[in-house]
Protein backbone atom coordinates (compact mmCIF):
# COMPACT_ATOMS: atom_id res chain seq x y z
CA MET A 1 33.19 15.77 16.80
CA ALA A 2 30.48 13.80 15.00
CA LYS A 3 31.66 10.80 13.00
CA VAL A 4 31.11 11.44 9.29
CA GLY A 5 31.60 8.92 6.52
CA LEU A 6 32.80 9.51 2.97
CA VAL A 7 31.76 7.35 0.05
CA TYR A 8 34.12 7.57 -2.91
CA HIS A 9 35.67 5.22 -5.47
CA PRO A 10 37.97 5.99 -8.41
CA ASP A 11 35.67 3.93 -10.64
CA PHE A 12 33.20 6.82 -10.46
CA LEU A 13 35.57 8.56 -12.89
CA LYS A 14 34.93 5.88 -15.53
CA HIS A 15 31.56 7.37 -16.42
CA LYS A 16 32.64 9.36 -19.48
CA THR A 17 30.45 12.14 -20.81
CA GLY A 18 32.58 13.79 -23.48
CA PRO A 19 35.03 16.73 -23.43
CA MET A 20 32.45 19.54 -23.36
CA HIS A 21 29.92 18.02 -20.98
CA PRO A 22 29.49 19.83 -17.63
CA GLU A 23 28.94 16.61 -15.63
CA ARG A 24 32.53 15.41 -15.96
CA PRO A 25 34.91 13.30 -13.86
CA GLU A 26 36.88 16.37 -12.80
CA ARG A 27 34.01 17.36 -10.53
CA LEU A 28 34.96 14.51 -8.19
CA THR A 29 38.71 14.89 -8.51
CA SER A 30 38.40 18.57 -7.56
CA ILE A 31 36.34 17.68 -4.48
CA MET A 32 38.77 14.99 -3.37
CA SER A 33 41.76 17.28 -3.94
CA GLN A 34 40.15 19.98 -1.77
CA LEU A 35 39.43 17.52 1.05
CA GLU A 36 43.00 16.23 0.90
CA GLU A 37 44.59 19.67 0.67
CA LYS A 38 42.67 20.91 3.69
CA GLN A 39 43.34 17.62 5.53
CA LEU A 40 39.64 17.18 6.15
CA ILE A 41 39.73 13.76 4.56
CA ASP A 42 41.75 12.46 7.52
CA LYS A 43 38.78 13.21 9.80
CA LEU A 44 36.35 11.14 7.72
CA THR A 45 35.57 7.43 7.82
CA ARG A 46 36.07 6.01 4.34
CA ILE A 47 33.22 3.78 3.15
CA GLU A 48 33.90 1.39 0.28
CA PRO A 49 31.02 1.08 -2.19
CA LYS A 50 30.08 -2.06 -4.05
CA PRO A 51 27.57 -2.34 -6.90
CA ALA A 52 23.95 -2.33 -5.79
CA GLU A 53 21.87 -5.42 -6.30
CA GLU A 54 19.33 -4.92 -9.05
CA THR A 55 16.47 -5.64 -6.66
CA TRP A 56 17.23 -2.31 -4.95
CA ILE A 57 17.33 -0.48 -8.29
CA THR A 58 13.89 -1.85 -9.12
CA SER A 59 12.49 -0.76 -5.77
CA VAL A 60 12.15 2.60 -7.57
CA HIS A 61 12.77 1.99 -11.28
CA SER A 62 10.94 -0.32 -13.63
CA PRO A 63 12.76 -3.39 -14.98
CA GLN A 64 12.16 -1.92 -18.44
CA HIS A 65 14.12 1.17 -17.44
CA VAL A 66 17.11 -0.92 -16.41
CA ALA A 67 16.86 -2.94 -19.64
CA SER A 68 16.73 0.23 -21.76
CA LEU A 69 19.91 1.55 -20.13
CA ARG A 70 21.63 -1.76 -20.78
CA ALA A 71 20.68 -1.44 -24.44
CA VAL A 72 21.99 2.13 -24.70
CA GLY A 73 25.19 1.21 -22.87
CA ALA A 74 25.76 -1.68 -25.26
CA GLU A 75 25.55 0.76 -28.17
CA ALA A 76 28.29 2.92 -26.69
CA GLY A 77 31.24 0.61 -27.31
CA ASN A 78 34.35 2.81 -27.35
CA ASP A 79 32.30 5.94 -28.05
CA LEU A 80 29.29 7.60 -26.40
CA ALA A 81 25.61 6.74 -26.78
CA TYR A 82 22.82 9.04 -25.66
CA VAL A 83 19.73 8.41 -23.57
CA ASP A 84 18.62 11.93 -24.53
CA GLY A 85 20.38 15.07 -25.74
CA ASP A 86 21.75 15.83 -22.26
CA THR A 87 22.50 12.35 -20.97
CA PRO A 88 25.37 10.38 -22.49
CA MET A 89 26.53 6.89 -21.58
CA SER A 90 29.94 5.38 -22.14
CA ARG A 91 30.86 1.71 -22.05
CA ASP A 92 31.28 1.72 -18.27
CA SER A 93 28.47 4.10 -17.35
CA LEU A 94 25.89 1.54 -16.29
CA ASP A 95 28.37 -0.26 -14.05
CA VAL A 96 29.31 3.08 -12.50
CA ALA A 97 25.62 3.90 -11.95
CA PHE A 98 25.15 0.59 -10.09
CA LEU A 99 28.24 1.44 -8.02
CA ALA A 100 26.92 4.93 -7.24
CA VAL A 101 23.67 3.51 -5.89
CA GLY A 102 25.66 0.90 -4.01
CA GLY A 103 27.73 3.67 -2.44
CA VAL A 104 24.60 5.33 -1.09
CA LEU A 105 23.37 2.00 0.30
CA ALA A 106 26.78 1.36 1.91
CA GLY A 107 26.53 4.80 3.51
CA ILE A 108 23.12 3.91 4.92
CA ASP A 109 24.50 0.63 6.28
CA ALA A 110 27.28 2.57 8.02
CA VAL A 111 24.82 5.00 9.59
CA MET A 112 22.43 2.27 10.70
CA SER A 113 25.25 0.19 12.21
CA GLY A 114 26.27 3.19 14.31
CA GLY A 115 29.72 3.45 12.74
CA VAL A 116 29.02 7.04 11.65
CA ARG A 117 26.26 9.57 12.23
CA SER A 118 26.18 11.00 8.72
CA VAL A 119 27.72 10.34 5.31
CA PHE A 120 28.67 12.39 2.27
CA CYS A 121 28.43 10.34 -0.92
CA ALA A 122 30.80 11.73 -3.57
CA VAL A 123 29.16 9.73 -6.35
CA ARG A 124 28.36 10.14 -10.01
CA PRO A 125 26.34 10.00 -12.16
CA PRO A 126 23.88 12.15 -10.19
CA GLY A 127 20.32 10.96 -9.79
CA HIS A 128 17.47 13.31 -8.91
CA HIS A 129 16.17 13.80 -12.47
CA ALA A 130 15.91 10.04 -13.11
CA GLU A 131 12.23 9.09 -13.08
CA PRO A 132 10.98 5.57 -12.35
CA SER A 133 10.76 4.81 -16.06
CA ARG A 134 13.30 7.10 -17.74
CA ALA A 135 16.75 8.65 -17.42
CA MET A 136 17.26 12.34 -18.09
CA GLY A 137 19.21 15.42 -17.06
CA PHE A 138 22.61 13.66 -16.65
CA CYS A 139 20.93 11.08 -14.35
CA LEU A 140 20.56 7.32 -14.88
CA PHE A 141 19.30 5.96 -11.54
CA ASN A 142 17.75 8.01 -8.74
CA ASN A 143 20.30 7.49 -5.98
CA VAL A 144 18.36 9.28 -3.22
CA ALA A 145 15.01 7.70 -4.03
CA ILE A 146 16.53 4.23 -3.91
CA GLY A 147 18.23 5.19 -0.66
CA ALA A 148 14.89 6.18 0.86
CA ARG A 149 13.37 2.82 -0.06
CA TYR A 150 16.45 1.04 1.35
CA PHE A 151 16.05 2.83 4.68
CA GLN A 152 12.42 1.72 4.76
CA GLN A 153 12.61 -1.80 3.38
CA LYS A 154 15.90 -3.04 4.88
CA TYR A 155 15.83 -1.21 8.20
CA GLY A 156 12.13 -0.60 8.78
CA LEU A 157 12.36 3.19 9.12
CA LYS A 158 8.93 4.60 8.50
CA LYS A 159 9.42 8.26 7.54
CA ILE A 160 12.17 9.70 5.34
CA LEU A 161 12.78 13.38 4.65
CA ILE A 162 14.49 14.25 1.35
CA VAL A 163 15.87 17.80 1.11
CA ASP A 164 16.83 18.81 -2.45
CA TRP A 165 18.75 22.09 -2.71
CA ASP A 166 20.05 21.49 -6.23
CA VAL A 167 19.30 24.48 -8.47
CA HIS A 168 17.19 22.22 -10.72
CA HIS A 169 13.97 20.64 -9.53
CA GLY A 170 14.25 16.96 -8.62
CA ASN A 171 11.42 15.81 -10.86
CA GLY A 172 12.40 12.16 -10.64
CA THR A 173 12.36 12.12 -6.84
CA GLN A 174 9.05 13.95 -6.80
CA GLU A 175 7.49 11.44 -9.20
CA ALA A 176 8.76 8.46 -7.20
CA PHE A 177 7.00 9.64 -4.01
CA PHE A 178 4.16 11.88 -5.26
CA ARG A 179 1.50 9.53 -3.85
CA ASP A 180 3.49 8.41 -0.80
CA PRO A 181 2.97 10.11 2.58
CA SER A 182 5.91 8.20 4.13
CA VAL A 183 8.47 10.35 2.24
CA LEU A 184 8.47 14.12 2.65
CA PHE A 185 10.13 15.74 -0.39
CA PHE A 186 11.27 19.35 0.04
CA SER A 187 12.83 21.20 -2.90
CA THR A 188 14.19 24.69 -3.49
CA HIS A 189 15.05 25.37 -7.13
CA GLN A 190 15.34 28.13 -9.71
CA TYR A 191 11.93 28.48 -11.36
CA PRO A 192 10.94 28.52 -14.14
CA PHE A 193 13.94 26.51 -15.26
CA TYR A 194 14.92 23.00 -16.37
CA PRO A 195 13.18 20.54 -16.16
CA GLY A 196 10.02 22.70 -16.01
CA THR A 197 8.45 21.02 -12.99
CA GLY A 198 8.37 22.12 -9.37
CA GLY A 199 5.59 24.67 -9.16
CA GLU A 200 4.27 25.40 -5.68
CA GLY A 201 0.94 23.79 -6.58
CA GLU A 202 2.62 20.39 -7.03
CA ARG A 203 1.91 19.08 -3.53
CA GLY A 204 1.37 15.34 -4.03
CA PHE A 205 -1.61 13.22 -5.01
CA GLY A 206 -4.12 11.12 -3.10
CA ALA A 207 -2.68 9.95 0.22
CA GLY A 208 0.49 11.87 -0.65
CA ILE A 209 -1.08 15.33 -0.74
CA GLY A 210 1.09 17.63 1.35
CA SER A 211 4.12 15.34 1.29
CA THR A 212 5.70 17.29 -1.58
CA ILE A 213 6.82 20.83 -0.76
CA ASN A 214 8.16 22.85 -3.68
CA VAL A 215 9.65 26.29 -3.03
CA PRO A 216 10.26 27.90 -6.43
CA MET A 217 13.03 30.50 -6.25
CA LYS A 218 13.51 33.51 -8.51
CA ALA A 219 16.73 33.86 -10.49
CA GLY A 220 19.22 35.87 -8.46
CA SER A 221 18.18 34.44 -5.09
CA GLY A 222 21.07 34.08 -2.66
CA ASP A 223 21.93 33.10 0.89
CA ASP A 224 19.26 35.21 2.61
CA GLU A 225 16.41 33.95 0.43
CA TYR A 226 17.44 30.31 0.76
CA ILE A 227 17.91 30.51 4.52
CA GLU A 228 14.49 32.13 4.89
CA ALA A 229 12.89 29.38 2.79
CA PHE A 230 14.51 26.66 4.89
CA ASN A 231 13.60 28.30 8.20
CA THR A 232 10.02 29.19 7.31
CA ARG A 233 9.03 26.20 5.13
CA LEU A 234 11.32 23.25 5.84
CA VAL A 235 11.83 23.48 9.61
CA PRO A 236 8.12 23.57 10.58
CA ALA A 237 7.25 20.87 8.03
CA ALA A 238 10.00 18.62 9.38
CA LYS A 239 8.86 19.26 12.95
CA GLU A 240 5.38 18.07 12.05
CA PHE A 241 6.64 15.12 9.97
CA GLU A 242 9.26 13.91 12.49
CA PRO A 243 11.51 12.00 10.06
CA ASP A 244 13.44 8.89 11.02
CA ALA A 245 16.27 9.76 8.60
CA VAL A 246 17.23 12.64 6.33
CA ILE A 247 18.62 12.41 2.79
CA ILE A 248 20.04 15.45 1.03
CA SER A 249 20.11 15.83 -2.75
CA ALA A 250 23.20 17.98 -2.43
CA GLY A 251 23.56 19.92 -5.64
CA PHE A 252 25.94 22.86 -5.49
CA ASP A 253 24.89 24.52 -8.76
CA ALA A 254 22.97 27.36 -7.10
CA HIS A 255 26.41 28.83 -6.33
CA HIS A 256 26.95 32.30 -7.79
CA ASN A 257 29.84 31.02 -9.95
CA ASP A 258 27.98 28.10 -11.49
CA PRO A 259 27.72 28.30 -15.30
CA LEU A 260 24.38 26.48 -15.63
CA ALA A 261 22.15 28.66 -13.46
CA SER A 262 21.50 32.17 -12.20
CA MET A 263 21.50 31.96 -8.41
CA ARG A 264 23.73 33.66 -5.82
CA LEU A 265 24.47 31.16 -3.07
CA THR A 266 27.93 31.19 -1.46
CA GLU A 267 29.97 28.51 0.29
CA ASP A 268 28.90 30.04 3.61
CA GLY A 269 25.28 29.87 2.45
CA TYR A 270 25.63 26.15 1.81
CA GLY A 271 27.15 25.84 5.25
CA GLN A 272 24.13 27.53 6.81
CA LEU A 273 21.68 25.33 4.88
CA SER A 274 23.68 22.32 6.03
CA ARG A 275 23.42 23.51 9.63
CA ILE A 276 19.63 23.84 9.38
CA VAL A 277 19.27 20.33 7.96
CA LYS A 278 21.69 18.93 10.53
CA GLY A 279 19.59 20.52 13.26
CA ILE A 280 16.50 18.75 11.90
CA ALA A 281 18.32 15.41 11.81
CA ASP A 282 19.70 15.89 15.31
CA GLU A 283 16.28 16.75 16.72
CA HIS A 284 14.18 14.12 15.00
CA ALA A 285 16.32 11.45 13.34
CA GLY A 286 19.19 10.62 15.69
CA GLY A 287 21.50 12.70 13.51
CA ARG A 288 21.10 10.33 10.55
CA ILE A 289 21.98 12.16 7.31
CA ILE A 290 22.88 10.69 3.93
CA SER A 291 24.07 13.51 1.65
CA CYS A 292 24.37 12.61 -2.05
CA LEU A 293 26.15 14.74 -4.62
CA GLU A 294 23.90 15.99 -7.41
CA GLY A 295 24.83 19.04 -9.53
CA GLY A 296 27.54 21.68 -9.32
CA TYR A 297 29.66 22.48 -12.36
CA HIS A 298 32.20 25.16 -11.38
CA LEU A 299 35.12 23.09 -10.11
CA ASP A 300 36.51 25.52 -7.55
CA SER A 301 33.07 26.39 -6.18
CA ILE A 302 31.80 22.83 -5.88
CA SER A 303 34.95 21.70 -4.08
CA LYS A 304 34.84 24.60 -1.59
CA SER A 305 31.09 24.21 -1.04
CA VAL A 306 31.39 20.47 -0.38
CA TYR A 307 34.24 21.18 2.04
CA ARG A 308 32.04 23.63 3.97
CA HIS A 309 29.11 21.20 3.92
CA ILE A 310 31.20 18.39 5.40
CA GLU A 311 32.71 20.74 7.99
CA VAL A 312 29.20 21.40 9.26
CA LEU A 313 28.34 17.69 9.33
CA LEU A 314 31.45 17.21 11.47
CA GLY A 315 30.14 19.84 13.86
CA GLY A 316 31.98 22.88 12.56
């Protein structure tokens, strides 16, 4: 059985978003309850996060972006303040965002030390919509983009593959690496849909042309369509790219029960996508996978899908 790490901290629940907001603390408590109920948590290596140093945040984001979030967070006090109409911050949100990034970096440290082969990061707030200079779409810092730079700058890995199966396009991740051939960004997403980016013609710019692969999916797409996209588009691209590590933007909001989208994936479908990505990592990257929670807003479905995802990482 492959060693798999789990990043989690109860402080992730301190990021408050309001009673009607879909990105709520219960998303994590439902996941943790499922892992405990099924006794899967006993098979995982717990990894303790600590807040990321700001120098790693600014490896992707501008100092002005960090300063603007500090200003919004200071406005929150005992209430909520808003970066935009979708993205609230509470008094503790910025600290939690630093901790979420730090959790991803701690997961990378664990993989690179050989303590585990792969890690699931049960973190919030999510990150893939956060652009280098602005927060949006529930996201403050881009956890996976910072993780990619950490792999490269701390450990000297040259080529990082980011696989984003969230139902929404990871516009922030795409922008961070649009000109960079050292990061291959692959995204399946409902299209056209929020945030409006992710057309197939968006392939990168300059030296980065071809390092962005967008696979827009029609509403109603399910397991078969996703598996075909991964087998026909991702697998050959990864074989040519030969990544040194794989990061997953693991959103589970393409599930057929999710209230924010119109896709038809099942828990078994997520398991099969996980198996494809694990095969890529095993073949090219020494099994190194960092999987970071993004979306997923139906509590029962996200918890069961994460359970299936981790089962596959364990070798199930």
